[in-house]
């Protein structure tokens, strides 16, 4: 008998802006979101996360570690390889271009500080992930996130996107766009970003998944990524139909297109239109029926501990 099919429905980027927060709350109330990846390094984020915890105690809240958006929670002078002259994190393109200059020790200092800040606000992180997936993709930083997950006994996001591992799934338009931008960056900067790109192989993704298993850090089997940039009900229904056995974390980016002009540095303004479409699809009254028809049950990150025992 194959393993049953289970899903975690996660909304990323909570705490980054009011328009994203409002979208996530709507996704919880009407769209079956049962997990939130929260960012603590934006103004008002901790207060919003506290309200979220009180209003929706059934929702799993995790840290969405950020080193490519917003300002650090550590003093900028202590993590100088991560920030620009104004004390902001470098954006994704700048981060990739400067990857050789990033000090992993400073990354550890900052992510630990973000995790502790969340804990001090009364929220024990139930899972770990990183904004733009940069720490899952780049192994030297993945190992830092893994060390914290092991130390704190916190589950992590999978390093295996469905689009890279199963033929039924195609790369999302957003993944393709990111790949093209990365290649252009490499060409423009005389291949200085090759060091980053070489870790994005299927083999390295598998190795990082095995590292989590060896460290006894719970994690989903797959990351559902093919929805991004194609957030239609037809696409979501198709993806759920072909979901493989085991646990897949479907990650959503919710919000309102009205928030485009207020998007902070490092939060992709061009994606706000898709955030609204993702929210519309997620709140479809058909979603519970699709899950029931496909015999897919919803689980939380905390349930992953049971599968390891």
Protein backbone atom coordinates (compact mmCIF):
# COMPACT_ATOMS: atom_id res chain seq x y z
CA UNK A 1 0.00 0.00 0.00
CA UNK A 2 1.40 3.46 -0.90
CA UNK A 3 1.78 6.07 1.80
CA UNK A 4 -1.31 8.23 2.29
CA UNK A 5 -1.27 11.70 0.78
CA UNK A 6 -1.08 14.56 3.23
CA UNK A 7 -0.74 18.31 2.80
CA UNK A 8 0.33 21.36 4.74
CA UNK A 9 -1.08 24.64 3.39
CA UNK A 10 1.35 27.45 4.25
CA UNK A 11 1.10 31.19 3.68
CA UNK A 12 4.52 32.86 3.42
CA UNK A 13 5.68 36.41 4.27
CA UNK A 14 3.30 37.23 7.14
CA UNK A 15 4.53 40.34 8.93
CA UNK A 16 6.08 42.00 5.88
CA UNK A 17 3.17 44.40 5.19
CA UNK A 18 -0.44 45.04 6.16
CA UNK A 19 -1.69 44.05 2.71
CA UNK A 20 0.07 40.68 2.94
CA UNK A 21 -1.16 40.18 6.52
CA UNK A 22 -4.75 40.87 5.50
CA UNK A 23 -4.48 38.38 2.65
CA UNK A 24 -3.07 35.69 4.93
CA UNK A 25 -5.86 36.20 7.47
CA UNK A 26 -8.44 35.90 4.70
CA UNK A 27 -6.68 32.73 3.57
CA UNK A 28 -7.01 31.28 7.06
CA UNK A 29 -10.65 32.28 7.46
CA UNK A 30 -11.80 31.14 4.04
CA UNK A 31 -9.06 29.13 2.41
CA UNK A 32 -7.95 26.35 4.77
CA UNK A 33 -4.47 27.80 5.45
CA UNK A 34 -3.17 25.91 8.49
CA UNK A 35 0.44 27.13 8.55
CA UNK A 36 2.05 30.58 8.40
CA UNK A 37 5.71 31.42 7.73
CA UNK A 38 6.24 34.72 9.55
CA UNK A 39 8.90 37.40 9.13
CA UNK A 40 9.93 39.30 12.27
CA UNK A 41 12.20 42.00 10.81
CA UNK A 42 9.58 44.49 9.63
CA UNK A 43 7.85 47.30 11.56
CA UNK A 44 4.83 46.00 13.48
CA UNK A 45 5.53 42.37 12.56
CA UNK A 46 5.73 41.01 16.11
CA UNK A 47 2.49 42.68 17.14
CA UNK A 48 0.74 41.25 14.07
CA UNK A 49 2.14 37.78 14.75
CA UNK A 50 0.93 37.99 18.36
CA UNK A 51 -2.59 38.88 17.20
CA UNK A 52 -2.48 36.03 14.70
CA UNK A 53 -1.54 33.51 17.39
CA UNK A 54 -4.41 34.63 19.65
CA UNK A 55 -7.01 34.77 16.89
CA UNK A 56 -6.08 31.46 15.22
CA UNK A 57 -4.47 29.12 17.77
CA UNK A 58 -4.91 26.16 15.41
CA UNK A 59 -2.52 27.67 12.86
CA UNK A 60 1.11 26.60 12.95
CA UNK A 61 3.44 29.64 13.01
CA UNK A 62 7.03 29.29 11.86
CA UNK A 63 9.96 31.60 11.23
CA UNK A 64 10.44 32.69 7.62
CA UNK A 65 14.06 33.71 8.07
CA UNK A 66 15.01 36.76 6.04
CA UNK A 67 18.41 37.89 4.83
CA UNK A 68 17.18 39.33 1.49
CA UNK A 69 14.38 41.67 2.61
CA UNK A 70 13.93 44.39 5.21
CA UNK A 71 16.35 45.35 7.96
CA UNK A 72 18.18 42.99 10.32
CA UNK A 73 17.20 42.60 13.96
CA UNK A 74 20.91 42.45 14.88
CA UNK A 75 23.03 45.63 14.99
CA UNK A 76 24.06 46.16 11.33
CA UNK A 77 27.72 46.57 12.26
CA UNK A 78 27.77 43.00 13.61
CA UNK A 79 26.61 41.53 10.29
CA UNK A 80 28.24 43.89 7.81
CA UNK A 81 28.50 41.32 4.99
CA UNK A 82 24.69 41.12 4.82
CA UNK A 83 23.69 44.78 4.68
CA UNK A 84 24.15 47.86 2.51
CA UNK A 85 25.25 51.31 3.65
CA UNK A 86 21.74 52.14 4.88
CA UNK A 87 21.62 49.01 7.03
CA UNK A 88 19.14 47.15 4.83
CA UNK A 89 19.61 43.58 3.67
CA UNK A 90 20.81 43.28 0.09
CA UNK A 91 17.98 42.29 -2.24
CA UNK A 92 17.99 38.88 -3.92
CA UNK A 93 19.94 39.96 -7.01
CA UNK A 94 22.55 41.77 -4.92
CA UNK A 95 22.74 38.83 -2.53
CA UNK A 96 23.50 36.37 -5.34
CA UNK A 97 26.05 38.73 -6.86
CA UNK A 98 27.81 39.09 -3.52
CA UNK A 99 27.49 35.46 -2.43
CA UNK A 100 31.26 34.97 -2.04
CA UNK A 101 31.35 37.86 0.43
CA UNK A 102 28.52 36.60 2.65
CA UNK A 103 29.86 35.52 6.05
CA UNK A 104 28.01 32.35 7.19
CA UNK A 105 28.87 33.18 10.81
CA UNK A 106 27.02 36.48 10.49
CA UNK A 107 24.05 34.68 8.97
CA UNK A 108 23.94 32.42 12.03
CA UNK A 109 24.01 35.46 14.33
CA UNK A 110 21.10 37.11 12.50
CA UNK A 111 18.85 34.07 12.10
CA UNK A 112 19.37 33.08 15.72
CA UNK A 113 18.40 36.64 16.71
CA UNK A 114 15.26 36.47 14.55
CA UNK A 115 14.30 33.14 16.09
CA UNK A 116 14.87 34.40 19.62
CA UNK A 117 12.89 37.57 18.93
CA UNK A 118 9.93 35.44 17.87
CA UNK A 119 10.27 33.34 21.02
CA UNK A 120 10.48 36.45 23.22
CA UNK A 121 7.18 37.58 21.69
CA UNK A 122 5.57 34.41 23.03
CA UNK A 123 5.56 32.42 19.80
CA UNK A 124 7.53 29.18 19.70
CA UNK A 125 8.44 28.59 16.06
CA UNK A 126 6.89 25.36 14.79
CA UNK A 127 8.86 25.30 11.53
CA UNK A 128 11.74 27.01 9.71
CA UNK A 129 12.06 28.28 6.14
CA UNK A 130 13.82 31.16 4.41
CA UNK A 131 12.61 34.08 2.30
CA UNK A 132 13.24 33.50 -1.43
CA UNK A 133 14.27 29.98 -0.36
CA UNK A 134 17.88 31.22 -0.35
CA UNK A 135 18.94 29.13 2.63
CA UNK A 136 17.36 25.97 1.28
CA UNK A 137 19.07 26.38 -2.10
CA UNK A 138 22.56 27.44 -1.00
CA UNK A 139 24.04 24.58 1.03
CA UNK A 140 26.54 26.57 3.16
CA UNK A 141 23.60 28.54 4.57
CA UNK A 142 21.26 25.56 4.57
CA UNK A 143 23.61 23.89 7.05
CA UNK A 144 23.25 26.90 9.35
CA UNK A 145 19.46 26.69 9.25
CA UNK A 146 19.70 22.94 9.82
CA UNK A 147 21.93 23.43 12.86
CA UNK A 148 19.37 25.76 14.43
CA UNK A 149 16.51 23.38 13.60
CA UNK A 150 18.41 20.52 15.23
CA UNK A 151 19.34 22.58 18.28
CA UNK A 152 15.80 23.90 18.80
CA UNK A 153 13.98 20.73 17.66
CA UNK A 154 12.05 22.57 14.94
CA UNK A 155 10.86 21.01 11.65
CA UNK A 156 12.08 22.49 8.37
CA UNK A 157 10.73 23.06 4.87
CA UNK A 158 11.57 20.43 2.26
CA UNK A 159 14.43 21.07 -0.16
CA UNK A 160 12.73 19.02 -2.88
CA UNK A 161 10.40 21.11 -5.10
CA UNK A 162 7.88 18.99 -6.96
CA UNK A 163 8.75 20.59 -10.29
CA UNK A 164 12.28 19.19 -10.07
CA UNK A 165 11.39 15.68 -8.95
CA UNK A 166 8.16 14.62 -10.65
CA UNK A 167 7.50 14.79 -14.39
CA UNK A 168 3.81 15.63 -13.88
CA UNK A 169 4.84 19.00 -12.49
CA UNK A 170 6.31 21.77 -14.59
CA UNK A 171 8.41 24.66 -13.41
CA UNK A 172 6.23 27.54 -12.31
CA UNK A 173 6.38 30.74 -14.38
CA UNK A 174 7.97 32.41 -11.37
CA UNK A 175 10.67 29.73 -11.12
CA UNK A 176 11.44 30.12 -14.82
CA UNK A 177 11.58 33.89 -14.44
CA UNK A 178 13.97 33.54 -11.51
CA UNK A 179 16.18 31.12 -13.43
CA UNK A 180 16.42 33.52 -16.38
CA UNK A 181 17.26 36.41 -14.06
CA UNK A 182 19.96 34.33 -12.38
CA UNK A 183 21.54 33.41 -15.70
CA UNK A 184 21.52 37.06 -16.80
CA UNK A 185 23.14 37.98 -13.48
CA UNK A 186 25.87 35.40 -14.01
CA UNK A 187 26.60 36.68 -17.50
CA UNK A 188 26.63 40.34 -16.44
CA UNK A 189 28.97 39.73 -13.55
CA UNK A 190 31.51 37.47 -15.24
CA UNK A 191 30.16 34.29 -13.66
CA UNK A 192 30.72 35.54 -10.12
CA UNK A 193 27.37 33.97 -9.13
CA UNK A 194 28.22 30.47 -10.36
CA UNK A 195 29.08 29.46 -6.80
CA UNK A 196 25.46 30.03 -5.82
CA UNK A 197 23.97 28.29 -8.83
CA UNK A 198 26.00 25.09 -8.52
CA UNK A 199 24.14 24.20 -5.35
CA UNK A 200 20.77 24.28 -7.11
CA UNK A 201 21.15 20.82 -8.62
CA UNK A 202 18.71 17.99 -8.07
CA UNK A 203 21.46 15.92 -6.48
CA UNK A 204 22.29 18.63 -3.95
CA UNK A 205 18.62 19.07 -3.10
CA UNK A 206 18.41 15.34 -2.37
CA UNK A 207 21.55 15.48 -0.26
CA UNK A 208 20.14 18.30 1.84
CA UNK A 209 16.92 16.34 2.33
CA UNK A 210 19.03 13.39 3.53
CA UNK A 211 20.95 15.69 5.87
CA UNK A 212 17.68 16.64 7.56
CA UNK A 213 16.80 12.98 7.93
CA UNK A 214 20.22 12.13 9.38
CA UNK A 215 19.89 15.04 11.83
CA UNK A 216 16.42 13.79 12.82
CA UNK A 217 14.85 17.10 11.80
CA UNK A 218 11.27 16.49 10.61
CA UNK A 219 10.38 17.83 7.17
CA UNK A 220 7.76 17.34 4.45
CA UNK A 221 8.64 15.07 1.56
CA UNK A 222 8.10 17.77 -1.06
CA UNK A 223 7.63 21.50 -1.58
CA UNK A 224 4.69 22.39 -3.83
CA UNK A 225 6.05 25.12 -6.10
CA UNK A 226 4.24 24.77 -9.45
CA UNK A 227 1.36 27.01 -8.38
CA UNK A 228 3.44 30.21 -8.29
CA UNK A 229 2.70 32.48 -11.21
CA UNK A 230 -0.16 30.27 -12.44
CA UNK A 231 -2.65 30.60 -9.58
CA UNK A 232 -5.80 29.37 -11.29
CA UNK A 233 -8.35 26.96 -9.82
CA UNK A 234 -7.69 24.60 -12.73
CA UNK A 235 -3.97 24.50 -11.96
CA UNK A 236 -4.47 23.91 -8.24
CA UNK A 237 -6.95 21.13 -8.93
CA UNK A 238 -4.46 19.52 -11.34
CA UNK A 239 -1.61 19.78 -8.83
CA UNK A 240 -3.64 18.19 -6.06
CA UNK A 241 -4.72 15.38 -8.37
CA UNK A 242 -1.08 14.44 -9.03
CA UNK A 243 0.21 15.05 -5.51
CA UNK A 244 2.53 12.16 -4.64
CA UNK A 245 2.27 9.95 -1.55
CA UNK A 246 3.69 11.40 1.63
CA UNK A 247 3.54 15.00 2.89
CA UNK A 248 3.66 17.98 0.52
CA UNK A 249 3.83 21.53 1.80
CA UNK A 250 1.90 23.76 -0.60
CA UNK A 251 3.22 27.30 -0.18
CA UNK A 252 1.04 30.30 -1.02
CA UNK A 253 1.86 34.00 -1.29
CA UNK A 254 -1.29 35.89 -0.37
CA UNK A 255 -2.18 39.55 -0.31
CA UNK A 256 -3.80 42.35 -2.24
CA UNK A 257 -2.62 44.12 -5.38
CA UNK A 258 -3.43 47.38 -3.60
CA UNK A 259 -0.30 46.84 -1.50
CA UNK A 260 2.13 47.12 -4.41
CA UNK A 261 3.30 50.66 -3.67
CA UNK A 262 3.76 49.88 0.03
CA UNK A 263 5.84 46.77 -0.53
CA UNK A 264 9.03 47.03 1.51
CA UNK A 265 12.45 46.45 -0.02
CA UNK A 266 12.97 42.80 -0.86
CA UNK A 267 9.26 41.96 -1.21
CA UNK A 268 8.59 41.49 -4.93
CA UNK A 269 6.27 44.26 -6.07
CA UNK A 270 5.53 42.61 -9.40
CA UNK A 271 4.06 39.60 -7.62
CA UNK A 272 1.32 41.45 -5.73
CA UNK A 273 -1.08 40.90 -8.62
CA UNK A 274 -0.50 37.15 -8.29
CA UNK A 275 -0.95 37.35 -4.53
CA UNK A 276 -4.52 38.45 -5.06
CA UNK A 277 -5.12 35.69 -7.60
CA UNK A 278 -3.62 33.09 -5.27
CA UNK A 279 -5.96 34.26 -2.52
CA UNK A 280 -8.97 34.04 -4.85
CA UNK A 281 -8.08 30.49 -5.83
CA UNK A 282 -7.30 29.36 -2.31
CA UNK A 283 -10.65 30.65 -1.08
CA UNK A 284 -12.56 28.72 -3.72
CA UNK A 285 -15.48 26.87 -2.16
CA UNK A 286 -14.39 23.86 -4.20
CA UNK A 287 -11.04 23.41 -2.43
CA UNK A 288 -12.41 21.27 0.46
CA UNK A 289 -14.14 19.05 -2.11
CA UNK A 290 -10.95 18.69 -4.17
CA UNK A 291 -9.03 17.57 -1.08
CA UNK A 292 -11.76 15.15 -0.08
CA UNK A 293 -12.08 13.74 -3.60
CA UNK A 294 -8.32 13.19 -3.78
CA UNK A 295 -8.26 11.69 -0.28
CA UNK A 296 -5.68 14.27 0.84
CA UNK A 297 -5.73 15.04 4.55
CA UNK A 298 -4.38 18.24 6.10
CA UNK A 299 -1.61 17.95 8.70
CA UNK A 300 0.54 20.35 10.67
CA UNK A 301 4.30 20.53 10.97
CA UNK A 302 4.00 19.23 14.53
CA UNK A 303 2.45 16.05 13.13
CA UNK A 304 5.72 15.27 11.33
CA UNK A 305 7.29 14.20 14.62
CA UNK A 306 4.89 11.26 14.74
CA UNK A 307 6.14 9.90 11.42
CA UNK A 308 9.67 9.77 12.79
CA UNK A 309 8.72 7.64 15.81
